[in-house]
């Protein structure tokens, strides 16, 4: 007989050495814990992909914008805008793109959990009333407050960082060569 949970594994191994199969109640919990660790790792991988995709999408969008607006850039620089001014225009446009990506990420991450919690709450309340039990306040999902607080500024910063190369590219265009393009 084991007196503490810490001694359960040696006791189990000792009993199994005598040829008796032992299935302690702690085993399902350990398997479930491993399962949730794997699920958490999969979701962390998806989060990483969600961070990488905008890092490539914002520069490609801004570079296409440069090619479409070359005449406008040429006119701005011909009228006396400095390279810093042209860069600030493109960086100012990259911030809202990063913010939209961040808002989308927060909604995609939090939205399904909210709906699952509502549906599960309705189901549990209906089940409680059928069995005659009092409905309990149970929270099935959890989104911490720090997630949107840090995700949105991080996505805006990511938008700015991703917009640096296109902004430098726009600022380095020659006004004379741009205005000659038809």
C-alpha atoms as a PDB file:
ATOM      1  CA  UNK A   1       0.000   0.000   0.000  1.00  0.00           C
ATOM      2  CA  UNK A   2       1.352   3.423  -0.929  1.00  0.00           C
ATOM      3  CA  UNK A   3       0.964   6.162   1.634  1.00  0.00           C
ATOM      4  CA  UNK A   4       1.638   9.117  -0.671  1.00  0.00           C
ATOM      5  CA  UNK A   5       1.242   9.796  -4.395  1.00  0.00           C
ATOM      6  CA  UNK A   6       5.028  10.168  -4.707  1.00  0.00           C
ATOM      7  CA  UNK A   7       5.504   6.510  -3.730  1.00  0.00           C
ATOM      8  CA  UNK A   8       2.863   5.228  -6.195  1.00  0.00           C
ATOM      9  CA  UNK A   9       5.257   4.605  -9.097  1.00  0.00           C
ATOM     10  CA  UNK A  10       7.715   2.410  -7.150  1.00  0.00           C
ATOM     11  CA  UNK A  11       4.800   0.482  -5.611  1.00  0.00           C
ATOM     12  CA  UNK A  12       3.262  -0.017  -9.061  1.00  0.00           C
ATOM     13  CA  UNK A  13       6.570  -1.286 -10.458  1.00  0.00           C
ATOM     14  CA  UNK A  14       7.005  -3.623  -7.502  1.00  0.00           C
ATOM     15  CA  UNK A  15       3.538  -5.140  -7.998  1.00  0.00           C
ATOM     16  CA  UNK A  16       4.060  -5.461 -11.771  1.00  0.00           C
ATOM     17  CA  UNK A  17       7.355  -7.297 -11.171  1.00  0.00           C
ATOM     18  CA  UNK A  18       5.245 -10.093  -9.656  1.00  0.00           C
ATOM     19  CA  UNK A  19       3.270 -10.420 -12.905  1.00  0.00           C
ATOM     20  CA  UNK A  20       0.145  -8.524 -11.798  1.00  0.00           C
ATOM     21  CA  UNK A  21      -1.246  -5.772 -14.026  1.00  0.00           C
ATOM     22  CA  UNK A  22      -1.805  -2.531 -12.125  1.00  0.00           C
ATOM     23  CA  UNK A  23      -3.759   0.445 -13.429  1.00  0.00           C
ATOM     24  CA  UNK A  24      -3.516   3.319 -10.949  1.00  0.00           C
ATOM     25  CA  UNK A  25      -6.094   6.134 -11.149  1.00  0.00           C
ATOM     26  CA  UNK A  26      -3.304   8.599 -11.859  1.00  0.00           C
ATOM     27  CA  UNK A  27      -2.540   7.060 -15.301  1.00  0.00           C
ATOM     28  CA  UNK A  28      -5.538   8.535 -17.176  1.00  0.00           C
ATOM     29  CA  UNK A  29      -4.721  11.959 -15.780  1.00  0.00           C
ATOM     30  CA  UNK A  30      -1.120  11.663 -16.966  1.00  0.00           C
ATOM     31  CA  UNK A  31      -2.252  10.582 -20.439  1.00  0.00           C
ATOM     32  CA  UNK A  32      -4.776  13.396 -20.579  1.00  0.00           C
ATOM     33  CA  UNK A  33      -2.101  15.855 -19.490  1.00  0.00           C
ATOM     34  CA  UNK A  34       0.207  14.652 -22.279  1.00  0.00           C
ATOM     35  CA  UNK A  35      -2.668  14.911 -24.777  1.00  0.00           C
ATOM     36  CA  UNK A  36      -3.328  18.522 -23.797  1.00  0.00           C
ATOM     37  CA  UNK A  37       0.382  19.333 -23.985  1.00  0.00           C
ATOM     38  CA  UNK A  38       0.383  18.070 -27.577  1.00  0.00           C
ATOM     39  CA  UNK A  39      -2.744  20.084 -28.393  1.00  0.00           C
ATOM     40  CA  UNK A  40      -1.182  23.176 -26.828  1.00  0.00           C
ATOM     41  CA  UNK A  41       1.961  22.630 -28.923  1.00  0.00           C
ATOM     42  CA  UNK A  42      -0.138  22.374 -32.098  1.00  0.00           C
ATOM     43  CA  UNK A  43      -1.903  25.631 -31.266  1.00  0.00           C
ATOM     44  CA  UNK A  44       1.399  27.344 -30.498  1.00  0.00           C
ATOM     45  CA  UNK A  45       2.616  26.233 -33.928  1.00  0.00           C
ATOM     46  CA  UNK A  46      -0.507  27.714 -35.495  1.00  0.00           C
ATOM     47  CA  UNK A  47       0.124  30.944 -33.569  1.00  0.00           C
ATOM     48  CA  UNK A  48       3.669  31.062 -34.959  1.00  0.00           C
ATOM     49  CA  UNK A  49       2.344  30.635 -38.495  1.00  0.00           C
ATOM     50  CA  UNK A  50      -0.177  33.394 -37.828  1.00  0.00           C
ATOM     51  CA  UNK A  51       2.700  35.699 -36.898  1.00  0.00           C
ATOM     52  CA  UNK A  52       4.838  34.768 -39.901  1.00  0.00           C
ATOM     53  CA  UNK A  53       2.161  35.179 -42.592  1.00  0.00           C
ATOM     54  CA  UNK A  54       1.609  38.922 -42.022  1.00  0.00           C
ATOM     55  CA  UNK A  55       5.377  39.421 -41.886  1.00  0.00           C
ATOM     56  CA  UNK A  56       5.474  38.392 -45.562  1.00  0.00           C
ATOM     57  CA  UNK A  57       2.099  39.733 -46.612  1.00  0.00           C
ATOM     58  CA  UNK A  58       2.623  43.333 -45.506  1.00  0.00           C
ATOM     59  CA  UNK A  59       5.880  43.880 -47.445  1.00  0.00           C
ATOM     60  CA  UNK A  60       4.456  42.251 -50.570  1.00  0.00           C
ATOM     61  CA  UNK A  61       1.330  44.421 -50.352  1.00  0.00           C
ATOM     62  CA  UNK A  62       3.366  47.558 -49.824  1.00  0.00           C
ATOM     63  CA  UNK A  63       5.784  46.713 -52.666  1.00  0.00           C
ATOM     64  CA  UNK A  64       2.830  46.264 -55.022  1.00  0.00           C
ATOM     65  CA  UNK A  65       1.549  49.621 -53.799  1.00  0.00           C
ATOM     66  CA  UNK A  66       4.899  51.187 -54.726  1.00  0.00           C
ATOM     67  CA  UNK A  67       4.701  49.783 -58.248  1.00  0.00           C
ATOM     68  CA  UNK A  68       1.131  51.011 -58.646  1.00  0.00           C
ATOM     69  CA  UNK A  69       1.845  54.468 -57.240  1.00  0.00           C
ATOM     70  CA  UNK A  70       5.220  55.246 -58.799  1.00  0.00           C
ATOM     71  CA  UNK A  71       3.944  58.411 -60.446  1.00  0.00           C
ATOM     72  CA  UNK A  72       2.466  59.626 -57.169  1.00  0.00           C
ATOM     73  CA  UNK A  73       5.769  58.983 -55.384  1.00  0.00           C
ATOM     74  CA  UNK A  74       7.607  60.856 -58.133  1.00  0.00           C
ATOM     75  CA  UNK A  75       5.253  63.834 -57.838  1.00  0.00           C
ATOM     76  CA  UNK A  76       5.599  63.891 -54.049  1.00  0.00           C
ATOM     77  CA  UNK A  77       9.398  63.876 -54.212  1.00  0.00           C
ATOM     78  CA  UNK A  78       9.459  66.408 -57.078  1.00  0.00           C
ATOM     79  CA  UNK A  79       7.276  68.766 -55.049  1.00  0.00           C
ATOM     80  CA  UNK A  80       9.938  68.770 -52.332  1.00  0.00           C
ATOM     81  CA  UNK A  81       9.140  65.843 -50.062  1.00  0.00           C
ATOM     82  CA  UNK A  82      12.234  64.397 -48.465  1.00  0.00           C
ATOM     83  CA  UNK A  83      13.106  60.732 -48.416  1.00  0.00           C
ATOM     84  CA  UNK A  84      12.096  60.721 -44.765  1.00  0.00           C
ATOM     85  CA  UNK A  85       8.668  62.126 -45.701  1.00  0.00           C
ATOM     86  CA  UNK A  86       8.108  59.446 -48.340  1.00  0.00           C
ATOM     87  CA  UNK A  87       9.158  56.767 -45.855  1.00  0.00           C
ATOM     88  CA  UNK A  88       6.835  58.123 -43.176  1.00  0.00           C
ATOM     89  CA  UNK A  89       3.867  57.917 -45.578  1.00  0.00           C
ATOM     90  CA  UNK A  90       4.508  54.227 -46.234  1.00  0.00           C
ATOM     91  CA  UNK A  91       5.194  53.440 -42.592  1.00  0.00           C
ATOM     92  CA  UNK A  92       1.977  55.240 -41.622  1.00  0.00           C
ATOM     93  CA  UNK A  93       0.110  53.013 -44.073  1.00  0.00           C
ATOM     94  CA  UNK A  94       1.735  49.857 -42.657  1.00  0.00           C
ATOM     95  CA  UNK A  95       0.468  50.500 -39.107  1.00  0.00           C
ATOM     96  CA  UNK A  96      -3.251  50.032 -39.867  1.00  0.00           C
ATOM     97  CA  UNK A  97      -2.464  46.905 -41.883  1.00  0.00           C
ATOM     98  CA  UNK A  98      -0.680  45.461 -38.846  1.00  0.00           C
ATOM     99  CA  UNK A  99      -3.570  46.512 -36.600  1.00  0.00           C
ATOM    100  CA  UNK A 100      -6.142  44.819 -38.849  1.00  0.00           C
ATOM    101  CA  UNK A 101      -4.061  41.632 -38.858  1.00  0.00           C
ATOM    102  CA  UNK A 102      -3.799  41.790 -35.062  1.00  0.00           C
ATOM    103  CA  UNK A 103      -7.543  42.356 -34.603  1.00  0.00           C
ATOM    104  CA  UNK A 104      -8.244  39.461 -36.935  1.00  0.00           C
ATOM    105  CA  UNK A 105      -5.896  37.234 -34.969  1.00  0.00           C
ATOM    106  CA  UNK A 106      -7.481  38.169 -31.640  1.00  0.00           C
ATOM    107  CA  UNK A 107     -10.987  37.553 -33.017  1.00  0.00           C
ATOM    108  CA  UNK A 108     -10.019  34.245 -34.629  1.00  0.00           C
ATOM    109  CA  UNK A 109      -8.361  33.087 -31.419  1.00  0.00           C
ATOM    110  CA  UNK A 110     -11.044  34.292 -28.995  1.00  0.00           C
ATOM    111  CA  UNK A 111     -14.209  33.982 -31.096  1.00  0.00           C
ATOM    112  CA  UNK A 112     -14.551  30.190 -31.342  1.00  0.00           C
ATOM    113  CA  UNK A 113     -13.826  29.813 -27.631  1.00  0.00           C
ATOM    114  CA  UNK A 114     -16.594  32.279 -26.806  1.00  0.00           C
ATOM    115  CA  UNK A 115     -19.115  30.414 -28.966  1.00  0.00           C
ATOM    116  CA  UNK A 116     -18.043  27.052 -27.522  1.00  0.00           C
ATOM    117  CA  UNK A 117     -18.519  28.453 -24.016  1.00  0.00           C
ATOM    118  CA  UNK A 118     -22.015  29.752 -24.857  1.00  0.00           C
ATOM    119  CA  UNK A 119     -23.127  26.480 -26.465  1.00  0.00           C
ATOM    120  CA  UNK A 120     -21.653  24.384 -23.660  1.00  0.00           C
ATOM    121  CA  UNK A 121     -23.274  26.642 -21.049  1.00  0.00           C
ATOM    122  CA  UNK A 122     -26.684  26.190 -22.692  1.00  0.00           C
ATOM    123  CA  UNK A 123     -26.172  22.422 -22.867  1.00  0.00           C
ATOM    124  CA  UNK A 124     -25.032  22.163 -19.241  1.00  0.00           C
ATOM    125  CA  UNK A 125     -27.910  24.350 -18.020  1.00  0.00           C
ATOM    126  CA  UNK A 126     -30.424  22.210 -19.924  1.00  0.00           C
ATOM    127  CA  UNK A 127     -28.850  19.035 -18.562  1.00  0.00           C
ATOM    128  CA  UNK A 128     -28.936  20.426 -15.027  1.00  0.00           C
ATOM    129  CA  UNK A 129     -32.628  21.321 -15.266  1.00  0.00           C
ATOM    130  CA  UNK A 130     -33.461  17.832 -16.630  1.00  0.00           C
ATOM    131  CA  UNK A 131     -31.735  16.132 -13.734  1.00  0.00           C
ATOM    132  CA  UNK A 132     -33.185  18.549 -11.187  1.00  0.00           C
ATOM    133  CA  UNK A 133     -29.816  19.994 -10.228  1.00  0.00           C
ATOM    134  CA  UNK A 134     -29.176  23.697  -9.890  1.00  0.00           C
ATOM    135  CA  UNK A 135     -27.347  25.160 -12.909  1.00  0.00           C
ATOM    136  CA  UNK A 136     -23.786  26.014 -11.985  1.00  0.00           C
ATOM    137  CA  UNK A 137     -21.617  28.791 -13.352  1.00  0.00           C
ATOM    138  CA  UNK A 138     -18.935  26.900 -15.235  1.00  0.00           C
ATOM    139  CA  UNK A 139     -16.359  28.538 -17.464  1.00  0.00           C
ATOM    140  CA  UNK A 140     -15.179  26.126 -20.151  1.00  0.00           C
ATOM    141  CA  UNK A 141     -12.878  28.425 -22.104  1.00  0.00           C
ATOM    142  CA  UNK A 142     -10.475  31.091 -20.976  1.00  0.00           C
ATOM    143  CA  UNK A 143      -8.808  33.962 -22.822  1.00  0.00           C
ATOM    144  CA  UNK A 144      -6.483  35.959 -20.662  1.00  0.00           C
ATOM    145  CA  UNK A 145      -6.666  39.735 -20.692  1.00  0.00           C
ATOM    146  CA  UNK A 146      -2.980  40.082 -21.551  1.00  0.00           C
ATOM    147  CA  UNK A 147      -3.517  38.403 -24.953  1.00  0.00           C
ATOM    148  CA  UNK A 148      -5.245  41.327 -26.741  1.00  0.00           C
ATOM    149  CA  UNK A 149      -3.317  43.883 -24.677  1.00  0.00           C
ATOM    150  CA  UNK A 150       0.001  42.586 -26.014  1.00  0.00           C
ATOM    151  CA  UNK A 151      -1.161  41.164 -29.367  1.00  0.00           C
ATOM    152  CA  UNK A 152      -2.429  44.448 -30.803  1.00  0.00           C
ATOM    153  CA  UNK A 153       0.676  46.581 -30.100  1.00  0.00           C
ATOM    154  CA  UNK A 154       2.854  43.665 -31.226  1.00  0.00           C
ATOM    155  CA  UNK A 155       0.943  43.424 -34.518  1.00  0.00           C
ATOM    156  CA  UNK A 156       1.249  47.191 -35.076  1.00  0.00           C
ATOM    157  CA  UNK A 157       4.980  46.964 -34.386  1.00  0.00           C
ATOM    158  CA  UNK A 158       5.154  44.005 -36.771  1.00  0.00           C
ATOM    159  CA  UNK A 159       3.384  46.086 -39.418  1.00  0.00           C
ATOM    160  CA  UNK A 160       5.896  48.895 -38.994  1.00  0.00           C
ATOM    161  CA  UNK A 161       8.897  46.537 -39.124  1.00  0.00           C
ATOM    162  CA  UNK A 162       7.454  44.773 -42.161  1.00  0.00           C
ATOM    163  CA  UNK A 163       6.877  48.112 -43.864  1.00  0.00           C
ATOM    164  CA  UNK A 164      10.454  49.360 -43.453  1.00  0.00           C
ATOM    165  CA  UNK A 165      11.841  47.740 -46.627  1.00  0.00           C
ATOM    166  CA  UNK A 166       9.007  48.965 -48.872  1.00  0.00           C
ATOM    167  CA  UNK A 167       9.292  52.446 -47.329  1.00  0.00           C
ATOM    168  CA  UNK A 168      13.033  52.567 -47.997  1.00  0.00           C
ATOM    169  CA  UNK A 169      12.384  51.303 -51.530  1.00  0.00           C
ATOM    170  CA  UNK A 170       9.789  54.041 -52.144  1.00  0.00           C
ATOM    171  CA  UNK A 171      12.074  56.732 -50.748  1.00  0.00           C
ATOM    172  CA  UNK A 172      14.991  55.617 -52.919  1.00  0.00           C
ATOM    173  CA  UNK A 173      13.106  55.974 -56.224  1.00  0.00           C
ATOM    174  CA  UNK A 174      14.487  58.673 -58.502  1.00  0.00           C
ATOM    175  CA  UNK A 175      11.807  61.306 -59.211  1.00  0.00           C
ATOM    176  CA  UNK A 176      13.041  61.869 -62.782  1.00  0.00           C
ATOM    177  CA  UNK A 177      13.026  58.172 -63.641  1.00  0.00           C
ATOM    178  CA  UNK A 178       9.603  57.698 -62.035  1.00  0.00           C
ATOM    179  CA  UNK A 179       7.992  60.592 -63.924  1.00  0.00           C
ATOM    180  CA  UNK A 180       9.304  59.238 -67.251  1.00  0.00           C
ATOM    181  CA  UNK A 181       7.494  55.916 -66.689  1.00  0.00           C
ATOM    182  CA  UNK A 182       4.299  55.587 -68.702  1.00  0.00           C
END
